[in-house]
Amino acid sequence: MDYGFTASMEDELDAVSRGEKQWQPVLSAFWSPFRALLDEKANVSRAEATSEALEEACPQCGKPLFLRLGRHGRFVACSGYPECNYTRPVDGPREPAEPVGRDCPDCGKPLVYKTGRYGRFISCSGYPECKHIEPLTQPKSSGVTCPQCGEGELVEKRSRYGKVFYSCNTYPKCTYAVWGPPVARPCPRCGWPIMIEKSGKRLGEQLACPQSECAFHFPVNASDAEIAAMLPDYTPPPPREKRAPPAKRAARARKTTAKTAKKPATEATAAAAKKPAKAKTTTAAAKKPAASKRKAPSAGEGKTPPSRKRAAKSVSDS
C-alpha cells in the first residue's frame, strides 16, 4: 500500500470540501493514469499478479523459485509446480521437524512435531505416504473395552462444540461413540456389555443402556433385587422410525391438512358470492335509464333574480 498516495488524495479531497479546488480536475488527474494502468494490466493472470521471481534455484529440481501469495500469507515455492512441490517459509529454509521419540504405530517411521492451522500436533515423518496424526495431549482413557470392535478402549474426547463424548481409540477403523462416561457393566435387560452414567434433576444419578432400542435405566445405588423388580414393568421406547414428529413439524402438518380441507369450501363460497354481485350490476344498469328521464330545468330556472343582481351591483360600486 502506498501511504503517500493515500495522504495526498485525502489532502486534495479536503481542499475540494473547503471549496479551494474543483472536483472535476482532481478526479481527472486520478482517473486518466489509473485507467491507463488498468488497460495495461488487463491481461495479467492471477499467478503473475501474486508471484515474484527470486534469484534462487530450487534445491530439489534446480528451477527458479518464486515468492507466491497463499491464503495463509506469502511463501516461497518452486516454479515447476506441480511436478516439484518444494515450498518453504519466506524467512528462510524450514527447520528440521522435532522428533517425538517414538515410532508411528501404522508404518514404523519416527513421529515428529508439526504446526498446522490449528496449532502443533504429532505427525508421521513418512507423510504423505502415511497420514497418521495425533494430538499433543493424549485423550484420557476410561479403561472400558469398546463393545463394538472388542479391541480398542473408549477414551474421552471433545466435539468441535466443546461437548465431552467417549469413542473408540481405534478410530477411524471403529466409529463407536457414546455421550456419557462408560461403565463396564452389562445391561440387565438386553445384555449389552457396557452402560453409561447419566444425571438429571428429576431422576438423579443413573446408569442407562446406550442402545436406543433398549435404553433401560436405573439408579446407581439400586440393588439387584430392585433392578429385577423394575424389569417386568419397563417399556422400551418406540423405534426411531415410528416416533411422532417434533412439535413444529406436527403443527405444520396440521396446518397443511386444514388448508387442504378448507379449499373446496372456499371455492364454493366464492362462486356463490359472485352470483348476487351480477344481480346487483343488472339492477344498477336497469336503474340507469330512469335517472336520465328526470325533468330538465326550465329556461328561467337557472337565471339569477334581478333583485340579487341589483344588490350585487350596489356592493361593488360602494
Protein backbone atom coordinates (compact mmCIF):
# COMPACT_ATOMS: atom_id res chain seq x y z
CA MET A 1 0.00 0.00 0.00
CA ASP A 2 1.28 3.48 -0.95
CA TYR A 3 0.67 5.60 2.14
CA GLY A 4 1.95 8.74 0.35
CA PHE A 5 -0.70 8.44 -2.35
CA THR A 6 -3.42 7.94 0.28
CA ALA A 7 -2.29 11.01 2.23
CA SER A 8 -2.10 13.24 -0.86
CA MET A 9 -5.52 12.11 -2.05
CA GLU A 10 -7.01 12.93 1.35
CA ASP A 11 -5.46 16.42 1.22
CA GLU A 12 -6.93 17.05 -2.24
CA LEU A 13 -10.37 15.85 -1.17
CA ASP A 14 -10.20 18.11 1.89
CA ALA A 15 -9.36 21.02 -0.43
CA VAL A 16 -12.41 20.16 -2.56
CA SER A 17 -14.63 20.12 0.53
CA ARG A 18 -13.32 23.57 1.56
CA GLY A 19 -14.00 24.98 -1.91
CA GLU A 20 -10.33 25.57 -2.73
CA LYS A 21 -10.34 23.11 -5.68
CA GLN A 22 -12.88 21.86 -8.20
CA TRP A 23 -13.65 18.16 -8.07
CA GLN A 24 -13.55 17.64 -11.87
CA PRO A 25 -9.78 18.37 -12.29
CA VAL A 26 -8.95 16.30 -9.19
CA LEU A 27 -10.89 13.32 -10.46
CA SER A 28 -9.45 13.66 -13.98
CA ALA A 29 -5.89 13.77 -12.63
CA PHE A 30 -6.51 10.49 -10.79
CA TRP A 31 -8.60 8.62 -13.33
CA SER A 32 -6.54 9.17 -16.50
CA PRO A 33 -3.33 7.41 -15.31
CA PHE A 34 -5.36 4.85 -13.37
CA ARG A 35 -7.35 3.92 -16.47
CA ALA A 36 -4.15 3.55 -18.50
CA LEU A 37 -2.73 1.23 -15.81
CA LEU A 38 -5.89 -0.89 -15.87
CA ASP A 39 -5.67 -1.28 -19.63
CA GLU A 40 -2.02 -2.24 -19.36
CA LYS A 41 -2.65 -4.93 -16.70
CA ALA A 42 -5.91 -6.26 -18.15
CA ASN A 43 -4.34 -9.48 -19.47
CA VAL A 44 -2.21 -10.25 -16.40
CA SER A 45 -3.08 -13.63 -14.84
CA ARG A 46 -3.64 -14.18 -11.15
CA ALA A 47 -0.44 -16.22 -10.86
CA GLU A 48 1.61 -13.37 -12.33
CA ALA A 49 -0.02 -10.82 -10.04
CA THR A 50 0.58 -12.85 -6.86
CA SER A 51 4.09 -14.17 -7.60
CA GLU A 52 7.53 -12.59 -7.77
CA ALA A 53 10.66 -14.21 -9.19
CA LEU A 54 13.62 -14.77 -6.85
CA GLU A 55 17.30 -15.09 -7.74
CA GLU A 56 17.45 -18.54 -6.21
CA ALA A 57 17.19 -22.05 -7.59
CA CYS A 58 15.06 -24.84 -6.20
CA PRO A 59 17.20 -27.27 -4.12
CA GLN A 60 15.17 -30.23 -5.42
CA CYS A 61 14.86 -29.66 -9.19
CA GLY A 62 17.01 -26.61 -9.93
CA LYS A 63 14.20 -24.47 -11.39
CA PRO A 64 13.76 -20.82 -10.29
CA LEU A 65 11.97 -20.11 -7.03
CA PHE A 66 9.07 -17.69 -6.81
CA LEU A 67 7.59 -15.68 -3.96
CA ARG A 68 3.89 -16.55 -4.00
CA LEU A 69 0.82 -15.41 -2.09
CA GLY A 70 -1.41 -18.05 -0.46
CA ARG A 71 -4.42 -17.94 1.82
CA HIS A 72 -2.12 -18.02 4.88
CA GLY A 73 0.30 -15.37 3.60
CA ARG A 74 3.41 -15.24 1.40
CA PHE A 75 5.70 -18.23 0.92
CA VAL A 76 8.46 -19.46 -1.39
CA ALA A 77 7.58 -22.14 -3.94
CA CYS A 78 9.15 -23.79 -6.94
CA SER A 79 8.14 -22.59 -10.40
CA GLY A 80 7.98 -26.23 -11.52
CA TYR A 81 4.82 -26.96 -9.52
CA PRO A 82 3.04 -29.44 -9.67
CA GLU A 83 5.98 -31.56 -10.89
CA CYS A 84 8.03 -30.20 -7.97
CA ASN A 85 6.22 -29.44 -4.70
CA TYR A 86 9.08 -27.69 -2.87
CA THR A 87 7.91 -24.92 -0.52
CA ARG A 88 9.38 -23.09 2.46
CA PRO A 89 8.62 -20.03 4.61
CA VAL A 90 9.75 -16.58 3.49
CA ASP A 91 12.13 -16.10 6.41
CA GLY A 92 14.42 -18.97 5.39
CA PRO A 93 14.66 -22.74 4.98
CA ARG A 94 12.32 -24.81 7.04
CA GLU A 95 13.93 -26.21 10.18
CA PRO A 96 14.03 -29.99 10.58
CA ALA A 97 10.99 -31.37 12.36
CA GLU A 98 11.48 -32.09 16.05
CA PRO A 99 11.30 -35.84 16.76
CA VAL A 100 8.82 -37.11 19.32
CA GLY A 101 10.92 -40.07 20.43
CA ARG A 102 8.68 -42.93 19.32
CA ASP A 103 7.67 -44.60 16.09
CA CYS A 104 4.47 -44.43 14.10
CA PRO A 105 2.08 -47.27 15.02
CA ASP A 106 0.98 -47.59 11.37
CA CYS A 107 4.22 -47.67 9.37
CA GLY A 108 7.03 -47.72 11.95
CA LYS A 109 8.69 -44.43 10.89
CA PRO A 110 9.60 -41.81 13.53
CA LEU A 111 6.89 -39.42 14.74
CA VAL A 112 7.64 -35.69 14.60
CA TYR A 113 6.08 -32.46 15.85
CA LYS A 114 4.45 -30.26 13.23
CA THR A 115 2.50 -26.99 13.21
CA GLY A 116 -0.77 -26.60 11.35
CA ARG A 117 -3.53 -24.06 11.08
CA TYR A 118 -4.91 -25.17 14.48
CA GLY A 119 -1.53 -25.34 16.27
CA ARG A 120 1.06 -28.02 16.97
CA PHE A 121 0.34 -31.71 16.51
CA ILE A 122 2.15 -35.03 16.12
CA SER A 123 2.50 -36.49 12.65
CA CYS A 124 4.30 -39.32 10.91
CA SER A 125 7.57 -38.38 9.20
CA GLY A 126 6.51 -40.56 6.27
CA TYR A 127 3.78 -38.13 5.15
CA PRO A 128 2.17 -38.15 2.57
CA GLU A 129 2.61 -41.92 2.24
CA CYS A 130 1.46 -42.31 5.88
CA LYS A 131 -1.19 -39.91 7.18
CA HIS A 132 -1.06 -40.88 10.87
CA ILE A 133 -1.60 -37.88 13.18
CA GLU A 134 -2.07 -37.48 16.93
CA PRO A 135 -2.96 -34.58 19.23
CA LEU A 136 -0.33 -33.24 21.61
CA THR A 137 -2.35 -34.22 24.68
CA GLN A 138 -3.34 -37.85 24.74
CA PRO A 139 -7.03 -38.45 25.46
CA LYS A 140 -7.99 -39.74 28.89
CA SER A 141 -8.75 -43.46 28.87
CA SER A 142 -11.86 -44.79 30.61
CA GLY A 143 -10.47 -48.30 30.98
CA VAL A 144 -13.55 -49.78 29.27
CA THR A 145 -13.12 -52.00 26.23
CA CYS A 146 -15.04 -50.95 23.14
CA PRO A 147 -18.17 -53.16 22.93
CA GLN A 148 -18.36 -52.89 19.14
CA CYS A 149 -14.88 -53.98 18.00
CA GLY A 150 -13.58 -55.54 21.21
CA GLU A 151 -10.04 -54.29 20.50
CA GLY A 152 -9.79 -50.61 21.40
CA GLU A 153 -10.67 -48.66 24.51
CA LEU A 154 -13.21 -45.91 24.98
CA VAL A 155 -11.37 -42.61 25.54
CA GLU A 156 -12.59 -39.15 26.44
CA LYS A 157 -12.77 -36.63 23.60
CA ARG A 158 -14.38 -33.29 22.85
CA SER A 159 -16.52 -32.36 19.91
CA ARG A 160 -15.92 -29.18 17.92
CA TYR A 161 -18.63 -27.54 20.06
CA GLY A 162 -16.82 -28.48 23.29
CA LYS A 163 -19.14 -31.30 24.39
CA VAL A 164 -17.45 -34.32 26.00
CA PHE A 165 -18.03 -37.77 24.48
CA TYR A 166 -16.34 -41.16 24.57
CA SER A 167 -15.21 -43.00 21.46
CA CYS A 168 -13.02 -45.94 20.47
CA ASN A 169 -9.32 -45.11 20.22
CA THR A 170 -9.01 -47.19 17.03
CA TYR A 171 -10.94 -44.56 15.05
CA PRO A 172 -11.45 -44.48 12.05
CA LYS A 173 -11.41 -48.28 12.00
CA CYS A 174 -14.10 -48.31 14.70
CA THR A 175 -16.61 -45.45 14.91
CA TYR A 176 -18.39 -46.44 18.14
CA ALA A 177 -19.09 -43.48 20.45
CA VAL A 178 -21.33 -42.64 23.43
CA TRP A 179 -22.15 -39.34 25.14
CA GLY A 180 -21.87 -40.45 28.76
CA PRO A 181 -18.99 -41.90 30.80
CA PRO A 182 -18.94 -45.68 30.12
CA VAL A 183 -19.14 -48.29 32.87
CA ALA A 184 -18.02 -51.90 32.41
CA ARG A 185 -21.35 -53.40 33.48
CA PRO A 186 -23.68 -55.38 31.18
CA CYS A 187 -27.23 -54.17 30.72
CA PRO A 188 -29.63 -56.29 32.87
CA ARG A 189 -32.25 -56.23 30.12
CA CYS A 190 -30.52 -56.64 26.74
CA GLY A 191 -27.05 -57.79 27.84
CA TRP A 192 -25.06 -55.02 26.07
CA PRO A 193 -21.50 -55.13 27.52
CA ILE A 194 -21.44 -51.55 28.85
CA MET A 195 -23.68 -48.91 30.38
CA ILE A 196 -23.25 -45.15 30.63
CA GLU A 197 -23.65 -42.72 33.51
CA LYS A 198 -26.42 -40.15 33.32
CA SER A 199 -27.61 -37.47 35.71
CA GLY A 200 -30.68 -35.27 35.84
CA LYS A 201 -32.68 -33.15 38.25
CA ARG A 202 -35.72 -35.43 38.15
CA LEU A 203 -34.08 -38.89 38.20
CA GLY A 204 -30.68 -38.09 39.73
CA GLU A 205 -27.61 -40.27 39.12
CA GLN A 206 -28.48 -43.26 36.92
CA LEU A 207 -26.98 -45.97 34.77
CA ALA A 208 -28.51 -46.30 31.31
CA CYS A 209 -28.13 -48.66 28.40
CA PRO A 210 -26.62 -46.84 25.37
CA GLN A 211 -28.61 -48.96 22.92
CA SER A 212 -31.51 -46.86 21.60
CA GLU A 213 -33.82 -49.87 21.23
CA CYS A 214 -33.35 -50.76 24.91
CA ALA A 215 -32.46 -47.59 26.92
CA PHE A 216 -33.09 -49.39 30.23
CA HIS A 217 -32.01 -47.23 33.18
CA PHE A 218 -31.96 -47.48 36.96
CA PRO A 219 -30.44 -45.57 39.91
CA VAL A 220 -26.73 -46.02 40.50
CA ASN A 221 -27.21 -47.29 44.05
CA ALA A 222 -30.07 -49.68 43.18
CA SER A 223 -29.69 -53.26 44.39
CA ASP A 224 -30.01 -56.35 42.20
CA ALA A 225 -33.45 -57.09 43.70
CA GLU A 226 -34.70 -53.60 42.90
CA ILE A 227 -33.39 -53.82 39.33
CA ALA A 228 -35.06 -57.23 38.87
CA ALA A 229 -38.36 -55.77 40.11
CA MET A 230 -38.13 -52.93 37.55
CA LEU A 231 -37.61 -55.20 34.54
CA PRO A 232 -41.17 -56.64 34.13
CA ASP A 233 -42.81 -53.18 34.15
CA TYR A 234 -40.25 -51.49 31.88
CA THR A 235 -41.42 -50.48 28.40
CA PRO A 236 -38.69 -49.66 25.88
CA PRO A 237 -39.04 -46.50 23.79
CA PRO A 238 -40.61 -46.86 20.33
CA PRO A 239 -38.26 -47.24 17.35
CA ARG A 240 -36.98 -44.01 15.88
CA GLU A 241 -38.81 -44.64 12.60
CA LYS A 242 -42.22 -44.72 14.33
CA ARG A 243 -41.70 -41.84 16.74
CA ALA A 244 -44.01 -38.84 16.42
CA PRO A 245 -42.51 -35.87 14.55
CA PRO A 246 -41.38 -32.82 16.53
CA ALA A 247 -43.94 -30.26 17.64
CA LYS A 248 -43.13 -27.82 14.84
CA ARG A 249 -43.48 -30.47 12.15
CA ALA A 250 -46.72 -31.72 13.66
CA ALA A 251 -48.16 -28.19 13.78
CA ARG A 252 -47.09 -27.61 10.19
CA ALA A 253 -48.72 -30.87 9.11
CA ARG A 254 -51.99 -29.94 10.88
CA LYS A 255 -51.95 -26.51 9.23
CA THR A 256 -51.46 -28.02 5.77
CA THR A 257 -54.25 -30.52 6.37
CA ALA A 258 -56.62 -27.76 7.48
CA LYS A 259 -55.83 -25.70 4.39
CA THR A 260 -56.47 -28.68 2.11
CA ALA A 261 -59.79 -29.40 3.81
CA LYS A 262 -60.99 -25.79 3.57
CA LYS A 263 -60.03 -25.29 -0.08
CA PRO A 264 -63.19 -26.83 -1.74
CA ALA A 265 -65.50 -24.98 0.66
CA THR A 266 -63.75 -21.70 -0.11
CA GLU A 267 -64.19 -22.16 -3.86
CA ALA A 268 -67.88 -22.94 -3.41
CA THR A 269 -68.34 -19.88 -1.19
CA ALA A 270 -66.58 -17.65 -3.72
CA ALA A 271 -68.76 -18.98 -6.55
CA ALA A 272 -71.89 -18.35 -4.51
CA ALA A 273 -70.74 -14.84 -3.59
CA LYS A 274 -70.24 -13.88 -7.23
CA LYS A 275 -73.88 -14.53 -8.23
CA PRO A 276 -75.50 -11.72 -6.14
CA ALA A 277 -72.85 -9.32 -7.46
CA LYS A 278 -74.03 -9.97 -11.03
CA ALA A 279 -77.64 -9.41 -9.97
CA LYS A 280 -76.72 -6.07 -8.36
CA THR A 281 -74.96 -4.98 -11.54
CA THR A 282 -78.04 -5.81 -13.58
CA THR A 283 -80.23 -3.85 -11.15
CA ALA A 284 -77.92 -0.84 -11.35
CA ALA A 285 -77.94 -1.00 -15.14
CA ALA A 286 -81.77 -1.16 -15.10
CA LYS A 287 -82.00 1.90 -12.86
CA LYS A 288 -79.62 3.98 -15.00
CA PRO A 289 -82.10 4.86 -17.79
CA ALA A 290 -84.60 6.01 -15.15
CA ALA A 291 -82.14 8.63 -13.98
CA SER A 292 -81.93 10.07 -17.49
CA LYS A 293 -85.73 10.67 -17.54
CA ARG A 294 -85.55 13.41 -14.96
CA LYS A 295 -87.24 16.65 -15.92
CA ALA A 296 -84.83 19.21 -17.39
CA PRO A 297 -84.83 22.63 -15.72
CA SER A 298 -86.86 25.38 -17.39
CA ALA A 299 -85.22 28.29 -19.17
CA GLY A 300 -85.63 30.73 -16.29
CA GLU A 301 -84.89 28.30 -13.51
CA GLY A 302 -81.08 28.69 -13.63
CA LYS A 303 -81.04 32.52 -14.01
CA THR A 304 -80.19 34.94 -11.17
CA PRO A 305 -83.13 37.03 -9.98
CA PRO A 306 -82.97 40.79 -10.88
CA SER A 307 -83.13 41.85 -7.22
CA ARG A 308 -79.94 39.93 -6.42
CA LYS A 309 -78.20 41.45 -9.46
CA ARG A 310 -79.02 45.00 -8.26
CA ALA A 311 -77.78 44.18 -4.71
CA ALA A 312 -74.51 42.78 -6.02
CA LYS A 313 -74.00 45.82 -8.27
CA SER A 314 -74.52 48.27 -5.42
CA VAL A 315 -71.99 46.42 -3.26
CA SER A 316 -69.35 46.50 -6.00
CA ASP A 317 -69.97 50.28 -6.65
CA SER A 318 -69.56 51.12 -2.97
